[in-house]
N, C-alpha and C. Protein backbone atom coordinates (compact mmCIF):
# COMPACT_ATOMS: atom_id res chain seq x y z
N MET A 1 -16.76 24.65 -25.79
CA MET A 1 -16.21 23.76 -26.86
C MET A 1 -15.16 22.90 -26.22
N GLN A 2 -15.30 21.58 -26.27
CA GLN A 2 -14.38 20.62 -25.73
C GLN A 2 -13.30 20.19 -26.71
N THR A 3 -12.08 20.15 -26.20
CA THR A 3 -10.90 19.82 -27.13
C THR A 3 -10.39 18.49 -26.57
N GLY A 4 -9.94 17.66 -27.44
CA GLY A 4 -9.33 16.33 -27.01
C GLY A 4 -10.36 15.35 -26.57
N ALA A 5 -9.89 14.29 -25.99
CA ALA A 5 -10.75 13.16 -25.57
C ALA A 5 -11.33 13.57 -24.26
N PRO A 6 -12.61 13.23 -24.01
CA PRO A 6 -13.15 13.51 -22.70
C PRO A 6 -12.47 12.75 -21.63
N MET A 7 -12.44 13.41 -20.37
CA MET A 7 -11.85 12.72 -19.23
C MET A 7 -12.56 11.53 -18.70
N LYS A 8 -11.82 10.44 -18.50
CA LYS A 8 -12.49 9.31 -18.10
C LYS A 8 -13.19 9.36 -16.74
N GLN A 9 -14.27 8.76 -16.66
CA GLN A 9 -15.04 8.67 -15.40
C GLN A 9 -14.27 8.03 -14.27
N HIS A 10 -14.33 8.58 -13.06
CA HIS A 10 -13.73 7.97 -11.94
C HIS A 10 -14.77 7.05 -11.24
N SER A 11 -14.55 5.76 -11.23
CA SER A 11 -15.49 4.84 -10.67
C SER A 11 -15.10 4.32 -9.29
N GLY A 12 -14.35 5.21 -8.50
CA GLY A 12 -13.96 4.83 -7.25
C GLY A 12 -12.65 4.14 -7.15
N MET A 13 -11.92 4.31 -6.06
CA MET A 13 -10.63 3.84 -5.82
C MET A 13 -10.71 2.26 -5.58
N ARG A 14 -9.67 1.57 -6.00
CA ARG A 14 -9.68 0.10 -5.71
C ARG A 14 -8.39 -0.12 -4.92
N PRO A 15 -8.31 -1.14 -4.11
CA PRO A 15 -7.11 -1.33 -3.32
C PRO A 15 -5.77 -1.37 -4.02
N GLN A 16 -5.80 -1.98 -5.31
CA GLN A 16 -4.58 -2.07 -5.99
C GLN A 16 -3.99 -0.69 -6.38
N ASP A 17 -4.92 0.33 -6.42
CA ASP A 17 -4.43 1.66 -6.78
C ASP A 17 -3.44 2.07 -5.84
N ILE A 18 -3.61 1.84 -4.49
CA ILE A 18 -2.70 2.18 -3.43
C ILE A 18 -1.45 1.41 -3.61
N VAL A 19 -1.53 0.10 -3.90
CA VAL A 19 -0.35 -0.77 -4.03
C VAL A 19 0.55 -0.20 -5.15
N VAL A 20 -0.12 0.26 -6.27
CA VAL A 20 0.71 0.83 -7.40
C VAL A 20 1.43 1.98 -6.97
N LEU A 21 0.84 2.91 -6.21
CA LEU A 21 1.37 4.10 -5.79
C LEU A 21 2.53 3.85 -4.79
N LEU A 22 2.33 2.92 -3.95
CA LEU A 22 3.30 2.64 -3.01
C LEU A 22 4.60 2.07 -3.68
N LYS A 23 4.37 1.26 -4.67
CA LYS A 23 5.48 0.68 -5.52
C LYS A 23 6.29 1.86 -6.16
N ILE A 24 5.54 2.78 -6.70
CA ILE A 24 6.25 3.85 -7.36
C ILE A 24 7.10 4.63 -6.38
N ILE A 25 6.56 4.93 -5.17
CA ILE A 25 7.32 5.56 -4.19
C ILE A 25 8.43 4.75 -3.67
N ALA A 26 8.40 3.35 -3.65
CA ALA A 26 9.56 2.49 -3.26
C ALA A 26 10.59 2.58 -4.32
N LEU A 27 10.27 2.84 -5.49
CA LEU A 27 11.24 2.97 -6.55
C LEU A 27 12.02 4.23 -6.38
N GLU A 28 11.61 5.20 -5.64
CA GLU A 28 12.18 6.48 -5.35
C GLU A 28 12.24 7.09 -6.81
N ASP A 29 13.44 7.54 -7.28
CA ASP A 29 13.50 8.28 -8.51
C ASP A 29 13.92 7.42 -9.77
N SER A 30 13.81 6.16 -9.53
CA SER A 30 14.17 5.24 -10.62
C SER A 30 13.05 5.32 -11.70
N PRO A 31 13.41 5.36 -12.96
CA PRO A 31 12.40 5.26 -13.98
C PRO A 31 11.57 3.96 -13.87
N TRP A 32 10.35 4.02 -14.35
CA TRP A 32 9.50 2.79 -14.46
C TRP A 32 8.63 2.89 -15.73
N ARG A 33 8.14 1.66 -16.11
CA ARG A 33 7.24 1.56 -17.15
C ARG A 33 6.14 0.69 -16.56
N ILE A 34 4.88 0.78 -17.23
CA ILE A 34 3.76 0.08 -16.87
C ILE A 34 4.06 -1.44 -16.95
N ILE A 35 4.85 -1.83 -17.96
CA ILE A 35 5.10 -3.31 -18.10
C ILE A 35 6.01 -3.76 -16.88
N ASP A 36 6.85 -2.86 -16.32
CA ASP A 36 7.68 -3.26 -15.23
C ASP A 36 6.89 -3.44 -14.00
N LEU A 37 5.96 -2.39 -13.74
CA LEU A 37 5.14 -2.45 -12.59
C LEU A 37 4.27 -3.66 -12.53
N ALA A 38 3.76 -4.01 -13.75
CA ALA A 38 2.88 -5.17 -13.89
C ALA A 38 3.57 -6.45 -13.52
N ALA A 39 4.82 -6.50 -13.97
CA ALA A 39 5.65 -7.76 -13.64
C ALA A 39 6.03 -7.89 -12.23
N VAL A 40 6.41 -6.70 -11.57
CA VAL A 40 6.87 -6.88 -10.16
C VAL A 40 5.66 -7.03 -9.24
N LEU A 41 4.54 -6.40 -9.61
CA LEU A 41 3.26 -6.46 -8.71
C LEU A 41 2.37 -7.63 -9.05
N ALA A 42 2.60 -8.24 -10.18
CA ALA A 42 1.81 -9.40 -10.60
C ALA A 42 0.34 -8.88 -10.79
N ILE A 43 0.23 -7.71 -11.39
CA ILE A 43 -1.06 -7.16 -11.82
C ILE A 43 -0.92 -6.86 -13.25
N SER A 44 -2.07 -7.09 -14.05
CA SER A 44 -2.03 -6.93 -15.47
C SER A 44 -1.64 -5.50 -15.85
N GLN A 45 -1.04 -5.33 -17.10
CA GLN A 45 -0.74 -4.02 -17.58
C GLN A 45 -1.95 -3.16 -17.70
N SER A 46 -3.00 -3.72 -18.13
CA SER A 46 -4.25 -2.95 -18.27
C SER A 46 -4.81 -2.38 -16.89
N GLU A 47 -4.74 -3.28 -15.87
CA GLU A 47 -5.08 -2.89 -14.53
C GLU A 47 -4.13 -1.84 -13.93
N ILE A 48 -2.90 -1.96 -14.23
CA ILE A 48 -1.92 -0.86 -13.84
C ILE A 48 -2.34 0.45 -14.49
N SER A 49 -2.54 0.41 -15.73
CA SER A 49 -2.96 1.69 -16.44
C SER A 49 -4.29 2.20 -15.93
N GLU A 50 -5.18 1.40 -15.58
CA GLU A 50 -6.46 1.82 -15.03
C GLU A 50 -6.24 2.46 -13.56
N ALA A 51 -5.34 1.80 -12.80
CA ALA A 51 -5.07 2.31 -11.52
C ALA A 51 -4.35 3.62 -11.58
N LEU A 52 -3.43 3.80 -12.57
CA LEU A 52 -2.87 5.14 -12.71
C LEU A 52 -3.83 6.21 -13.12
N ASN A 53 -4.73 5.82 -13.93
CA ASN A 53 -5.85 6.71 -14.32
C ASN A 53 -6.69 7.23 -13.09
N ARG A 54 -7.06 6.21 -12.36
CA ARG A 54 -7.94 6.51 -11.17
C ARG A 54 -7.17 7.33 -10.19
N ASN A 55 -5.92 7.06 -9.99
CA ASN A 55 -4.99 7.78 -9.11
C ASN A 55 -4.87 9.30 -9.61
N MET A 56 -4.74 9.45 -10.91
CA MET A 56 -4.64 10.74 -11.50
C MET A 56 -5.99 11.54 -11.21
N ILE A 57 -7.05 10.98 -11.52
CA ILE A 57 -8.39 11.59 -11.45
C ILE A 57 -8.60 11.95 -9.93
N ALA A 58 -8.21 11.06 -9.01
CA ALA A 58 -8.28 11.38 -7.63
C ALA A 58 -7.37 12.43 -7.06
N GLY A 59 -6.41 12.84 -7.86
CA GLY A 59 -5.45 13.82 -7.42
C GLY A 59 -4.33 13.26 -6.67
N LEU A 60 -4.09 11.99 -6.84
CA LEU A 60 -2.91 11.39 -6.11
C LEU A 60 -1.72 11.24 -6.93
N MET A 61 -1.84 11.56 -8.29
CA MET A 61 -0.75 11.61 -9.26
C MET A 61 -0.89 12.80 -10.10
N ASP A 62 0.23 13.21 -10.79
CA ASP A 62 0.13 14.29 -11.66
C ASP A 62 -0.55 13.87 -12.97
N SER A 63 -0.83 14.78 -13.74
CA SER A 63 -1.61 14.63 -15.07
C SER A 63 -0.92 13.76 -16.02
N ALA A 64 0.41 13.63 -16.00
CA ALA A 64 1.20 12.77 -16.86
C ALA A 64 1.25 11.39 -16.31
N ARG A 65 0.70 11.12 -15.16
CA ARG A 65 0.67 9.85 -14.50
C ARG A 65 2.14 9.30 -14.31
N ARG A 66 2.95 10.18 -13.81
CA ARG A 66 4.37 9.83 -13.62
C ARG A 66 4.75 10.06 -12.22
N ALA A 67 4.25 11.05 -11.63
CA ALA A 67 4.71 11.50 -10.24
C ALA A 67 3.54 11.38 -9.31
N VAL A 68 3.89 10.72 -8.11
CA VAL A 68 2.86 10.66 -6.97
C VAL A 68 2.85 11.94 -6.16
N HIS A 69 1.62 12.41 -5.97
CA HIS A 69 1.51 13.63 -5.08
C HIS A 69 1.52 13.04 -3.66
N LYS A 70 2.68 13.10 -3.08
CA LYS A 70 2.95 12.43 -1.78
C LYS A 70 2.20 12.98 -0.67
N GLU A 71 2.01 14.30 -0.58
CA GLU A 71 1.20 14.90 0.44
C GLU A 71 -0.18 14.46 0.42
N ALA A 72 -0.82 14.50 -0.81
CA ALA A 72 -2.12 14.07 -1.01
C ALA A 72 -2.31 12.58 -0.62
N LEU A 73 -1.42 11.78 -1.07
CA LEU A 73 -1.39 10.27 -0.73
C LEU A 73 -1.30 10.09 0.84
N THR A 74 -0.37 10.77 1.37
CA THR A 74 -0.17 10.68 2.89
C THR A 74 -1.48 10.98 3.62
N GLU A 75 -2.12 12.13 3.15
CA GLU A 75 -3.34 12.53 3.82
C GLU A 75 -4.46 11.49 3.60
N PHE A 76 -4.56 10.94 2.42
CA PHE A 76 -5.54 9.87 2.16
C PHE A 76 -5.25 8.64 3.04
N LEU A 77 -3.95 8.19 3.16
CA LEU A 77 -3.53 6.97 3.81
C LEU A 77 -3.88 7.19 5.33
N LEU A 78 -3.58 8.37 5.89
CA LEU A 78 -3.68 8.67 7.23
C LEU A 78 -5.19 8.86 7.73
N HIS A 79 -5.93 9.44 6.82
CA HIS A 79 -7.30 9.87 7.27
C HIS A 79 -8.38 9.13 6.47
N GLY A 80 -8.22 8.46 5.41
CA GLY A 80 -9.26 7.87 4.66
C GLY A 80 -9.11 6.36 4.46
N LEU A 81 -7.93 5.80 4.41
CA LEU A 81 -7.76 4.48 4.07
C LEU A 81 -8.56 3.52 4.80
N LYS A 82 -8.51 3.67 6.17
CA LYS A 82 -9.21 2.66 7.09
C LYS A 82 -10.74 2.74 6.90
N TYR A 83 -11.17 3.83 6.26
CA TYR A 83 -12.69 3.84 6.01
C TYR A 83 -13.07 3.30 4.66
N VAL A 84 -12.12 3.50 3.67
CA VAL A 84 -12.40 3.03 2.33
C VAL A 84 -12.00 1.57 2.21
N PHE A 85 -10.95 1.16 2.83
CA PHE A 85 -10.49 -0.32 2.72
C PHE A 85 -10.32 -0.81 4.08
N PRO A 86 -11.52 -1.00 4.90
CA PRO A 86 -11.36 -1.54 6.30
C PRO A 86 -10.99 -2.98 6.29
N GLU A 87 -10.39 -3.41 7.38
CA GLU A 87 -10.06 -4.75 7.64
C GLU A 87 -10.08 -5.08 9.08
N GLN A 88 -10.50 -6.38 9.35
CA GLN A 88 -10.52 -6.77 10.78
C GLN A 88 -9.65 -8.15 10.67
N PRO A 89 -8.76 -8.27 11.64
CA PRO A 89 -7.99 -9.48 11.69
C PRO A 89 -8.86 -10.71 11.82
N GLY A 90 -8.45 -11.77 11.26
CA GLY A 90 -9.29 -12.99 11.22
C GLY A 90 -8.60 -14.18 11.84
N ALA A 91 -8.83 -15.34 11.45
CA ALA A 91 -8.40 -16.67 12.00
C ALA A 91 -6.80 -16.66 12.02
N THR A 92 -6.36 -17.56 12.86
CA THR A 92 -4.85 -17.73 12.96
C THR A 92 -4.40 -18.56 11.76
N VAL A 93 -3.45 -18.04 11.07
CA VAL A 93 -2.94 -18.79 9.85
C VAL A 93 -1.36 -18.65 9.84
N ARG A 94 -0.82 -19.27 8.86
CA ARG A 94 0.54 -19.15 8.61
C ARG A 94 0.79 -18.13 7.51
N GLY A 95 1.70 -17.23 7.62
CA GLY A 95 1.80 -16.22 6.63
C GLY A 95 3.04 -15.29 6.86
N MET A 96 2.96 -14.21 6.23
CA MET A 96 4.02 -13.10 6.21
C MET A 96 3.64 -11.98 7.15
N PRO A 97 4.42 -11.61 8.08
CA PRO A 97 4.09 -10.60 9.11
C PRO A 97 3.67 -9.27 8.43
N THR A 98 2.75 -8.62 9.01
CA THR A 98 2.34 -7.26 8.53
C THR A 98 1.97 -6.37 9.65
N ALA A 99 1.58 -5.11 9.38
CA ALA A 99 1.29 -4.12 10.43
C ALA A 99 2.39 -4.07 11.44
N HIS A 100 2.10 -4.00 12.75
CA HIS A 100 3.17 -3.80 13.76
C HIS A 100 4.06 -4.99 13.91
N SER A 101 3.65 -6.20 13.33
CA SER A 101 4.41 -7.35 13.31
C SER A 101 5.55 -7.48 12.45
N ALA A 102 5.62 -6.43 11.50
CA ALA A 102 6.63 -6.42 10.42
C ALA A 102 7.48 -5.20 10.57
N PRO A 103 8.63 -5.16 10.03
CA PRO A 103 9.49 -3.93 9.99
C PRO A 103 8.75 -2.84 9.28
N PRO A 104 8.89 -1.65 9.69
CA PRO A 104 9.77 -1.10 10.64
C PRO A 104 9.19 -0.98 12.09
N LEU A 105 7.84 -1.27 12.24
CA LEU A 105 7.24 -1.07 13.51
C LEU A 105 7.60 -2.26 14.46
N SER A 106 7.88 -3.40 14.07
CA SER A 106 8.38 -4.48 14.85
C SER A 106 9.69 -4.23 15.58
N LYS A 107 10.51 -3.33 14.95
CA LYS A 107 11.76 -2.90 15.55
C LYS A 107 11.54 -1.77 16.71
N ARG A 108 10.34 -1.11 16.62
CA ARG A 108 10.13 -0.04 17.51
C ARG A 108 9.22 -0.47 18.65
N LEU A 109 8.48 -1.58 18.53
CA LEU A 109 7.49 -1.92 19.54
C LEU A 109 8.01 -3.19 20.21
N LEU A 110 7.62 -3.33 21.50
CA LEU A 110 7.94 -4.70 22.16
C LEU A 110 6.90 -5.60 21.58
N ALA A 111 7.34 -6.81 21.49
CA ALA A 111 6.53 -7.92 20.97
C ALA A 111 5.20 -7.90 21.76
N THR A 112 4.13 -8.03 21.04
CA THR A 112 2.72 -8.18 21.69
C THR A 112 2.26 -9.49 21.45
N ALA A 113 1.15 -9.89 22.13
CA ALA A 113 0.49 -11.14 21.93
C ALA A 113 -0.09 -11.17 20.60
N GLU A 114 -0.48 -10.10 19.94
CA GLU A 114 -1.18 -10.03 18.63
C GLU A 114 -0.07 -10.07 17.54
N VAL A 115 -0.10 -11.05 16.79
CA VAL A 115 0.79 -11.07 15.56
C VAL A 115 -0.15 -11.13 14.39
N TYR A 116 0.11 -10.24 13.40
CA TYR A 116 -0.73 -10.15 12.21
C TYR A 116 0.09 -10.63 11.07
N VAL A 117 -0.57 -11.35 10.15
CA VAL A 117 0.17 -11.92 8.93
C VAL A 117 -0.76 -11.77 7.74
N TRP A 118 -0.15 -11.74 6.54
CA TRP A 118 -0.90 -11.99 5.28
C TRP A 118 -0.87 -13.37 5.06
N PRO A 119 -1.96 -14.05 4.90
CA PRO A 119 -2.00 -15.47 4.57
C PRO A 119 -1.04 -15.80 3.48
N HIS A 120 -0.18 -16.71 3.61
CA HIS A 120 0.85 -17.00 2.51
C HIS A 120 1.35 -18.48 2.65
N PRO A 121 1.27 -19.34 1.74
CA PRO A 121 1.61 -20.81 1.83
C PRO A 121 3.08 -20.92 2.35
N GLU A 122 3.95 -20.00 1.95
CA GLU A 122 5.41 -20.11 2.30
C GLU A 122 5.77 -19.36 3.55
N GLY A 123 4.71 -18.79 4.22
CA GLY A 123 5.00 -18.01 5.45
C GLY A 123 5.51 -18.79 6.58
N LYS A 124 6.24 -18.24 7.42
CA LYS A 124 7.06 -18.89 8.47
C LYS A 124 6.53 -18.46 9.86
N VAL A 125 5.54 -17.64 9.91
CA VAL A 125 4.99 -17.03 11.13
C VAL A 125 3.54 -17.28 11.24
N ARG A 126 3.06 -17.69 12.45
CA ARG A 126 1.60 -17.82 12.64
C ARG A 126 1.07 -16.63 13.31
N GLY A 127 -0.14 -16.27 12.85
CA GLY A 127 -0.79 -15.04 13.41
C GLY A 127 -2.12 -14.86 12.80
N GLN A 128 -2.89 -13.78 13.34
CA GLN A 128 -4.10 -13.44 12.79
C GLN A 128 -3.95 -13.00 11.36
N SER A 129 -4.93 -13.63 10.60
CA SER A 129 -4.82 -13.15 9.11
C SER A 129 -5.46 -11.81 8.92
N VAL A 130 -4.66 -11.09 8.00
CA VAL A 130 -5.14 -9.79 7.52
C VAL A 130 -5.12 -9.81 5.96
N ARG A 131 -6.28 -9.61 5.46
CA ARG A 131 -6.25 -9.59 3.90
C ARG A 131 -5.44 -8.47 3.41
N PRO A 132 -4.50 -8.83 2.48
CA PRO A 132 -3.69 -7.72 2.02
C PRO A 132 -4.54 -6.84 1.03
N LEU A 133 -4.11 -5.61 0.82
CA LEU A 133 -4.82 -4.66 -0.09
C LEU A 133 -5.14 -5.32 -1.44
N TYR A 134 -4.23 -6.21 -1.99
CA TYR A 134 -4.40 -6.86 -3.25
C TYR A 134 -3.82 -8.22 -3.04
N ARG A 135 -4.33 -9.25 -3.74
CA ARG A 135 -3.95 -10.62 -3.55
C ARG A 135 -2.47 -10.91 -3.69
N THR A 136 -1.83 -10.12 -4.60
CA THR A 136 -0.39 -10.38 -5.00
C THR A 136 0.52 -9.66 -4.04
N VAL A 137 0.07 -9.01 -3.05
CA VAL A 137 0.96 -8.16 -2.14
C VAL A 137 2.04 -9.03 -1.57
N PRO A 138 1.69 -10.13 -0.96
CA PRO A 138 2.82 -10.85 -0.20
C PRO A 138 3.92 -11.17 -1.19
N LYS A 139 3.55 -11.59 -2.38
CA LYS A 139 4.66 -11.95 -3.32
C LYS A 139 5.59 -10.73 -3.73
N ALA A 140 4.80 -9.63 -4.01
CA ALA A 140 5.61 -8.37 -4.39
C ALA A 140 6.28 -7.84 -3.25
N ALA A 141 5.90 -7.96 -2.02
CA ALA A 141 6.55 -7.46 -0.86
C ALA A 141 7.74 -8.21 -0.50
N SER A 142 7.66 -9.59 -0.72
CA SER A 142 8.73 -10.44 -0.50
C SER A 142 9.98 -10.19 -1.35
N ASN A 143 9.78 -9.43 -2.51
CA ASN A 143 10.86 -9.16 -3.41
C ASN A 143 11.33 -7.77 -3.32
N ASP A 144 10.70 -6.99 -2.48
CA ASP A 144 10.98 -5.53 -2.35
C ASP A 144 10.87 -5.06 -0.87
N PRO A 145 11.93 -4.98 -0.12
CA PRO A 145 11.83 -4.56 1.19
C PRO A 145 11.33 -3.17 1.54
N LYS A 146 11.51 -2.27 0.59
CA LYS A 146 10.93 -0.88 0.75
C LYS A 146 9.45 -1.00 0.58
N LEU A 147 8.97 -1.67 -0.50
CA LEU A 147 7.60 -1.81 -0.63
C LEU A 147 6.89 -2.54 0.55
N TYR A 148 7.51 -3.61 0.99
CA TYR A 148 7.12 -4.42 2.18
C TYR A 148 6.82 -3.44 3.40
N GLU A 149 7.80 -2.62 3.79
CA GLU A 149 7.70 -1.65 4.80
C GLU A 149 6.47 -0.71 4.60
N LEU A 150 6.40 -0.20 3.42
CA LEU A 150 5.26 0.68 3.17
C LEU A 150 3.90 0.00 3.27
N LEU A 151 3.79 -1.14 2.81
CA LEU A 151 2.54 -1.98 2.87
C LEU A 151 2.26 -2.35 4.37
N ALA A 152 3.26 -2.74 5.13
CA ALA A 152 3.10 -3.05 6.52
C ALA A 152 2.56 -1.80 7.31
N LEU A 153 3.18 -0.63 6.93
CA LEU A 153 2.79 0.60 7.67
C LEU A 153 1.34 0.88 7.31
N VAL A 154 0.94 0.75 6.00
CA VAL A 154 -0.39 0.95 5.65
C VAL A 154 -1.39 -0.01 6.43
N ASP A 155 -1.07 -1.18 6.60
CA ASP A 155 -1.81 -2.15 7.37
C ASP A 155 -1.92 -1.74 8.87
N ALA A 156 -0.82 -1.26 9.35
CA ALA A 156 -0.86 -0.82 10.72
C ALA A 156 -1.94 0.45 10.94
N ILE A 157 -2.06 1.11 9.82
CA ILE A 157 -3.10 2.26 9.87
C ILE A 157 -4.41 1.71 9.70
N ARG A 158 -4.54 0.65 8.87
CA ARG A 158 -5.87 -0.02 8.62
C ARG A 158 -6.37 -0.70 9.96
N ILE A 159 -5.52 -1.36 10.65
CA ILE A 159 -6.01 -2.23 11.66
C ILE A 159 -5.37 -1.95 13.10
N GLY A 160 -4.43 -1.04 13.16
CA GLY A 160 -3.83 -0.83 14.44
C GLY A 160 -4.54 -0.03 15.37
N LYS A 161 -4.10 -0.24 16.66
CA LYS A 161 -4.62 0.71 17.70
C LYS A 161 -4.00 2.03 17.60
N ALA A 162 -4.45 3.01 18.38
CA ALA A 162 -3.98 4.48 18.30
C ALA A 162 -2.44 4.53 18.28
N ARG A 163 -1.70 3.86 19.15
CA ARG A 163 -0.27 3.92 19.23
C ARG A 163 0.47 3.43 17.91
N GLU A 164 -0.07 2.27 17.43
CA GLU A 164 0.54 1.71 16.23
C GLU A 164 0.23 2.67 15.00
N ARG A 165 -0.97 3.19 15.04
CA ARG A 165 -1.31 4.16 13.84
C ARG A 165 -0.44 5.35 13.86
N ASN A 166 -0.23 5.89 15.16
CA ASN A 166 0.66 7.08 15.22
C ASN A 166 2.06 6.81 14.86
N LEU A 167 2.56 5.68 15.21
CA LEU A 167 4.02 5.34 14.86
C LEU A 167 4.05 5.03 13.31
N ALA A 168 3.04 4.44 12.78
CA ALA A 168 2.91 4.18 11.40
C ALA A 168 2.91 5.52 10.51
N ALA A 169 2.11 6.39 11.14
CA ALA A 169 2.06 7.79 10.41
C ALA A 169 3.31 8.45 10.46
N GLU A 170 4.07 8.35 11.57
CA GLU A 170 5.41 9.01 11.61
C GLU A 170 6.36 8.36 10.66
N GLU A 171 6.37 7.08 10.60
CA GLU A 171 7.26 6.36 9.72
C GLU A 171 6.94 6.54 8.27
N LEU A 172 5.56 6.62 7.90
CA LEU A 172 5.14 6.87 6.56
C LEU A 172 5.71 8.29 6.21
N ARG A 173 5.46 9.24 6.99
CA ARG A 173 5.95 10.69 6.63
C ARG A 173 7.49 10.67 6.40
N LYS A 174 8.20 9.85 7.16
CA LYS A 174 9.63 9.81 6.83
C LYS A 174 9.88 9.28 5.44
N ARG A 175 9.17 8.15 5.16
CA ARG A 175 9.49 7.51 3.85
C ARG A 175 8.88 8.32 2.67
N MET A 176 7.94 9.21 2.89
CA MET A 176 7.46 10.05 1.89
C MET A 176 8.31 11.44 1.83
N ALA A 177 9.25 11.53 2.72
CA ALA A 177 10.06 12.76 2.94
C ALA A 177 9.21 13.92 3.26
N LEU A 178 8.21 13.70 4.12
CA LEU A 178 7.31 14.78 4.62
C LEU A 178 7.61 14.90 6.16
N LYS A 179 7.65 16.11 6.58
CA LYS A 179 7.90 16.40 8.14
C LYS A 179 6.63 16.69 8.71
């Protein structure tokens, strides 16, 4: 006998699901509401709600859709993200630095010939284009340094070479307070 409403079907992860989780982590222990996440991420409230549901079903959030399961998310980011949301750098464009071209990795690595950017009309850096996980990422990241670093680390995992991926994994674990 079933009680309550049936559990919603999981139709697969979407890139914005990861952006929502990273924003919640960037908020640390600050309280948040769906309306607030929608405003700062420029994602509709209904899509935020759907992202939270998909993350809960995937085991990346608790059943109340309030707390991120950081170990599970870290495991997914390190071992699954580049297969689920692959990316290849594209044409040279003006934009906002990402991956190893952005903090915190840009502070740890010597400058390389490869510069990666999210295409953005107000960008001040030229480099190979990398599609962000979601179209509003550059705007959201420009207003939140912690979120920016998390998203850049995720891109280093998606497109980086072994050294960049390893450094990104180390930095992500620090930010998730995992050793």
